[in-house]
Amino acid sequence: MDKEILLIDDDAVTNFLNQDLIEYKFPGRAITVFYNGADALTYILEHREREFIIFLDINMPVMSGWEFLEVLESKMDARSLEIHILTSSINPRDRTNAKKNRMVTSFMEKPLDESILDDLLIETIKKGDYNR
């Protein structure tokens, strides 16, 4: 089963650009956009049977990326989630906190670019999760 891609970022322009790039690199893959962690959390918990690749911003209103991870960790098995923090934060503590969090796969600085998605695509193919 293909993993659904979730974009969780409060910036509409960033979401638009990321969605456009992902659609180009992963044609036909389901992409769902959320503007805060709370709405994304509700969606994930309502669809526990699915597997997700998540691009998560840290600094958002309503529920930050860190709050999202904290609640999610208490309610979900990390095996069905691949979480990539995608942020404009330059705070070294954010990178350190991401490395310590067992749910976080990687920490990336915005913007999302083709080389990041190429690496992700290679890993996805290796895992047998991509049908072209």
C-alpha atoms as a PDB file:
ATOM      1  CA  MET A   1       0.000   0.000   0.000  1.00  0.00           C
ATOM      2  CA  ASP A   2       1.284   3.477  -0.888  1.00  0.00           C
ATOM      3  CA  LYS A   3       1.855   5.822   2.003  1.00  0.00           C
ATOM      4  CA  GLU A   4      -0.209   8.989   1.997  1.00  0.00           C
ATOM      5  CA  ILE A   5       1.836  12.184   2.123  1.00  0.00           C
ATOM      6  CA  LEU A   6       0.822  14.834   4.648  1.00  0.00           C
ATOM      7  CA  LEU A   7       2.049  18.423   4.452  1.00  0.00           C
ATOM      8  CA  ILE A   8       1.644  20.141   7.821  1.00  0.00           C
ATOM      9  CA  ASP A   9       2.589  23.822   7.595  1.00  0.00           C
ATOM     10  CA  ASP A  10       0.723  27.045   8.323  1.00  0.00           C
ATOM     11  CA  ASP A  11       2.121  28.764   5.206  1.00  0.00           C
ATOM     12  CA  ALA A  12      -0.197  28.348   2.203  1.00  0.00           C
ATOM     13  CA  VAL A  13       2.487  29.278  -0.337  1.00  0.00           C
ATOM     14  CA  THR A  14       4.922  26.729   1.102  1.00  0.00           C
ATOM     15  CA  ASN A  15       2.234  24.049   1.002  1.00  0.00           C
ATOM     16  CA  PHE A  16       1.351  24.914  -2.600  1.00  0.00           C
ATOM     17  CA  LEU A  17       4.975  24.730  -3.760  1.00  0.00           C
ATOM     18  CA  ASN A  18       5.683  21.531  -1.825  1.00  0.00           C
ATOM     19  CA  GLN A  19       2.530  19.866  -3.101  1.00  0.00           C
ATOM     20  CA  ASP A  20       3.397  20.794  -6.684  1.00  0.00           C
ATOM     21  CA  LEU A  21       6.915  19.341  -6.349  1.00  0.00           C
ATOM     22  CA  ILE A  22       5.699  16.150  -4.648  1.00  0.00           C
ATOM     23  CA  GLU A  23       3.035  15.617  -7.309  1.00  0.00           C
ATOM     24  CA  TYR A  24       5.771  15.886  -9.936  1.00  0.00           C
ATOM     25  CA  LYS A  25       8.073  13.388  -8.186  1.00  0.00           C
ATOM     26  CA  PHE A  26       5.370  11.017  -6.878  1.00  0.00           C
ATOM     27  CA  PRO A  27       2.616  11.120  -9.508  1.00  0.00           C
ATOM     28  CA  GLY A  28      -0.687   9.749  -8.295  1.00  0.00           C
ATOM     29  CA  ARG A  29       0.349   9.668  -4.620  1.00  0.00           C
ATOM     30  CA  ALA A  30      -2.300  10.957  -2.202  1.00  0.00           C
ATOM     31  CA  ILE A  31      -1.280  14.293  -0.663  1.00  0.00           C
ATOM     32  CA  THR A  32      -3.238  15.973   2.108  1.00  0.00           C
ATOM     33  CA  VAL A  33      -2.466  19.477   3.395  1.00  0.00           C
ATOM     34  CA  PHE A  34      -2.998  20.757   6.936  1.00  0.00           C
ATOM     35  CA  TYR A  35      -2.341  24.235   8.300  1.00  0.00           C
ATOM     36  CA  ASN A  36      -1.818  23.186  11.922  1.00  0.00           C
ATOM     37  CA  GLY A  37      -0.858  20.135  13.931  1.00  0.00           C
ATOM     38  CA  ALA A  38      -4.247  19.752  15.616  1.00  0.00           C
ATOM     39  CA  ASP A  39      -6.147  19.168  12.371  1.00  0.00           C
ATOM     40  CA  ALA A  40      -3.456  16.782  11.128  1.00  0.00           C
ATOM     41  CA  LEU A  41      -3.498  14.869  14.409  1.00  0.00           C
ATOM     42  CA  THR A  42      -7.269  14.398  14.225  1.00  0.00           C
ATOM     43  CA  TYR A  43      -6.960  13.117  10.645  1.00  0.00           C
ATOM     44  CA  ILE A  44      -4.167  10.667  11.477  1.00  0.00           C
ATOM     45  CA  LEU A  45      -5.991   9.273  14.489  1.00  0.00           C
ATOM     46  CA  GLU A  46      -9.166   8.831  12.417  1.00  0.00           C
ATOM     47  CA  HIS A  47      -7.150   6.904   9.791  1.00  0.00           C
ATOM     48  CA  ARG A  48      -4.891   4.748  11.979  1.00  0.00           C
ATOM     49  CA  GLU A  49      -4.949   1.935   9.430  1.00  0.00           C
ATOM     50  CA  ARG A  50      -3.045   4.055   6.903  1.00  0.00           C
ATOM     51  CA  GLU A  51       0.672   4.712   6.653  1.00  0.00           C
ATOM     52  CA  PHE A  52       1.946   8.255   6.259  1.00  0.00           C
ATOM     53  CA  ILE A  53       4.960  10.220   5.096  1.00  0.00           C
ATOM     54  CA  ILE A  54       4.745  13.519   6.967  1.00  0.00           C
ATOM     55  CA  PHE A  55       6.516  16.801   6.250  1.00  0.00           C
ATOM     56  CA  LEU A  56       6.085  18.757   9.476  1.00  0.00           C
ATOM     57  CA  ASP A  57       6.766  22.410  10.221  1.00  0.00           C
ATOM     58  CA  ILE A  58       7.725  23.257  13.803  1.00  0.00           C
ATOM     59  CA  ASN A  59       6.371  26.763  14.349  1.00  0.00           C
ATOM     60  CA  MET A  60       2.633  26.841  13.722  1.00  0.00           C
ATOM     61  CA  PRO A  61      -0.407  28.316  15.448  1.00  0.00           C
ATOM     62  CA  VAL A  62      -2.974  26.143  17.259  1.00  0.00           C
ATOM     63  CA  MET A  63      -0.520  23.248  17.756  1.00  0.00           C
ATOM     64  CA  SER A  64       3.203  23.432  17.078  1.00  0.00           C
ATOM     65  CA  GLY A  65       5.169  20.627  15.472  1.00  0.00           C
ATOM     66  CA  TRP A  66       6.668  19.704  18.847  1.00  0.00           C
ATOM     67  CA  GLU A  67       3.232  19.540  20.487  1.00  0.00           C
ATOM     68  CA  PHE A  68       1.992  17.459  17.559  1.00  0.00           C
ATOM     69  CA  LEU A  69       4.845  14.976  18.011  1.00  0.00           C
ATOM     70  CA  GLU A  70       4.302  14.747  21.760  1.00  0.00           C
ATOM     71  CA  VAL A  71       0.611  13.887  21.441  1.00  0.00           C
ATOM     72  CA  LEU A  72       1.147  11.624  18.454  1.00  0.00           C
ATOM     73  CA  GLU A  73       3.848   9.646  20.241  1.00  0.00           C
ATOM     74  CA  SER A  74       1.436   8.834  23.058  1.00  0.00           C
ATOM     75  CA  LYS A  75      -1.303   7.662  20.678  1.00  0.00           C
ATOM     76  CA  MET A  76       0.344   5.997  17.664  1.00  0.00           C
ATOM     77  CA  ASP A  77       2.854   3.349  16.737  1.00  0.00           C
ATOM     78  CA  ALA A  78       5.763   5.071  14.993  1.00  0.00           C
ATOM     79  CA  ARG A  79       6.166   2.197  12.517  1.00  0.00           C
ATOM     80  CA  SER A  80       3.319   3.487  10.338  1.00  0.00           C
ATOM     81  CA  LEU A  81       4.774   7.004  10.245  1.00  0.00           C
ATOM     82  CA  GLU A  82       7.733   8.549   8.472  1.00  0.00           C
ATOM     83  CA  ILE A  83       8.108  12.069   9.839  1.00  0.00           C
ATOM     84  CA  HIS A  84      10.410  14.635   8.251  1.00  0.00           C
ATOM     85  CA  ILE A  85      10.668  17.966  10.009  1.00  0.00           C
ATOM     86  CA  LEU A  86      10.731  20.650   7.328  1.00  0.00           C
ATOM     87  CA  THR A  87      11.354  24.019   8.919  1.00  0.00           C
ATOM     88  CA  SER A  88      12.841  27.457   8.533  1.00  0.00           C
ATOM     89  CA  SER A  89      14.131  27.301  12.112  1.00  0.00           C
ATOM     90  CA  ILE A  90      17.854  27.887  12.533  1.00  0.00           C
ATOM     91  CA  ASN A  91      17.776  27.141  16.258  1.00  0.00           C
ATOM     92  CA  PRO A  92      20.317  24.345  16.966  1.00  0.00           C
ATOM     93  CA  ARG A  93      18.075  23.060  19.777  1.00  0.00           C
ATOM     94  CA  ASP A  94      15.404  22.183  17.231  1.00  0.00           C
ATOM     95  CA  ARG A  95      17.828  19.952  15.327  1.00  0.00           C
ATOM     96  CA  THR A  96      18.991  18.366  18.597  1.00  0.00           C
ATOM     97  CA  ASN A  97      15.410  17.765  19.744  1.00  0.00           C
ATOM     98  CA  ALA A  98      14.567  16.207  16.400  1.00  0.00           C
ATOM     99  CA  LYS A  99      17.490  13.786  16.651  1.00  0.00           C
ATOM    100  CA  LYS A 100      16.331  12.741  20.113  1.00  0.00           C
ATOM    101  CA  ASN A 101      12.746  12.101  19.031  1.00  0.00           C
ATOM    102  CA  ARG A 102      12.208   8.469  18.016  1.00  0.00           C
ATOM    103  CA  MET A 103       9.372   9.437  15.665  1.00  0.00           C
ATOM    104  CA  VAL A 104      11.428  11.844  13.551  1.00  0.00           C
ATOM    105  CA  THR A 105      13.135  10.392  10.485  1.00  0.00           C
ATOM    106  CA  SER A 106      14.956  13.539   9.397  1.00  0.00           C
ATOM    107  CA  PHE A 107      15.350  17.275   9.951  1.00  0.00           C
ATOM    108  CA  MET A 108      15.407  19.488   6.859  1.00  0.00           C
ATOM    109  CA  GLU A 109      15.512  23.181   6.239  1.00  0.00           C
ATOM    110  CA  LYS A 110      12.956  24.764   3.937  1.00  0.00           C
ATOM    111  CA  PRO A 111      12.442  24.801   1.102  1.00  0.00           C
ATOM    112  CA  LEU A 112      11.755  21.229   0.099  1.00  0.00           C
ATOM    113  CA  ASP A 113      13.768  20.496  -3.016  1.00  0.00           C
ATOM    114  CA  GLU A 114      14.041  17.849  -5.684  1.00  0.00           C
ATOM    115  CA  SER A 115      17.192  16.239  -4.273  1.00  0.00           C
ATOM    116  CA  ILE A 116      15.439  15.571  -0.955  1.00  0.00           C
ATOM    117  CA  LEU A 117      12.537  13.969  -2.780  1.00  0.00           C
ATOM    118  CA  ASP A 118      14.917  11.975  -4.985  1.00  0.00           C
ATOM    119  CA  ASP A 119      16.504  10.500  -1.850  1.00  0.00           C
ATOM    120  CA  LEU A 120      13.066   9.795  -0.398  1.00  0.00           C
ATOM    121  CA  LEU A 121      11.962   8.176  -3.652  1.00  0.00           C
ATOM    122  CA  ILE A 122      15.027   5.908  -3.662  1.00  0.00           C
ATOM    123  CA  GLU A 123      14.304   4.811  -0.070  1.00  0.00           C
ATOM    124  CA  THR A 124      10.637   4.273  -0.877  1.00  0.00           C
ATOM    125  CA  ILE A 125      11.496   2.073  -3.854  1.00  0.00           C
ATOM    126  CA  LYS A 126      13.949   0.072  -1.727  1.00  0.00           C
ATOM    127  CA  LYS A 127      11.157  -0.586   0.766  1.00  0.00           C
ATOM    128  CA  GLY A 128       8.864  -1.710  -2.051  1.00  0.00           C
ATOM    129  CA  ASP A 129       6.350   1.030  -1.336  1.00  0.00           C
ATOM    130  CA  TYR A 130       6.267   2.650  -4.754  1.00  0.00           C
ATOM    131  CA  ASN A 131       4.396   1.444  -7.807  1.00  0.00           C
ATOM    132  CA  ARG A 132       5.225   3.210 -11.006  1.00  0.00           C
END
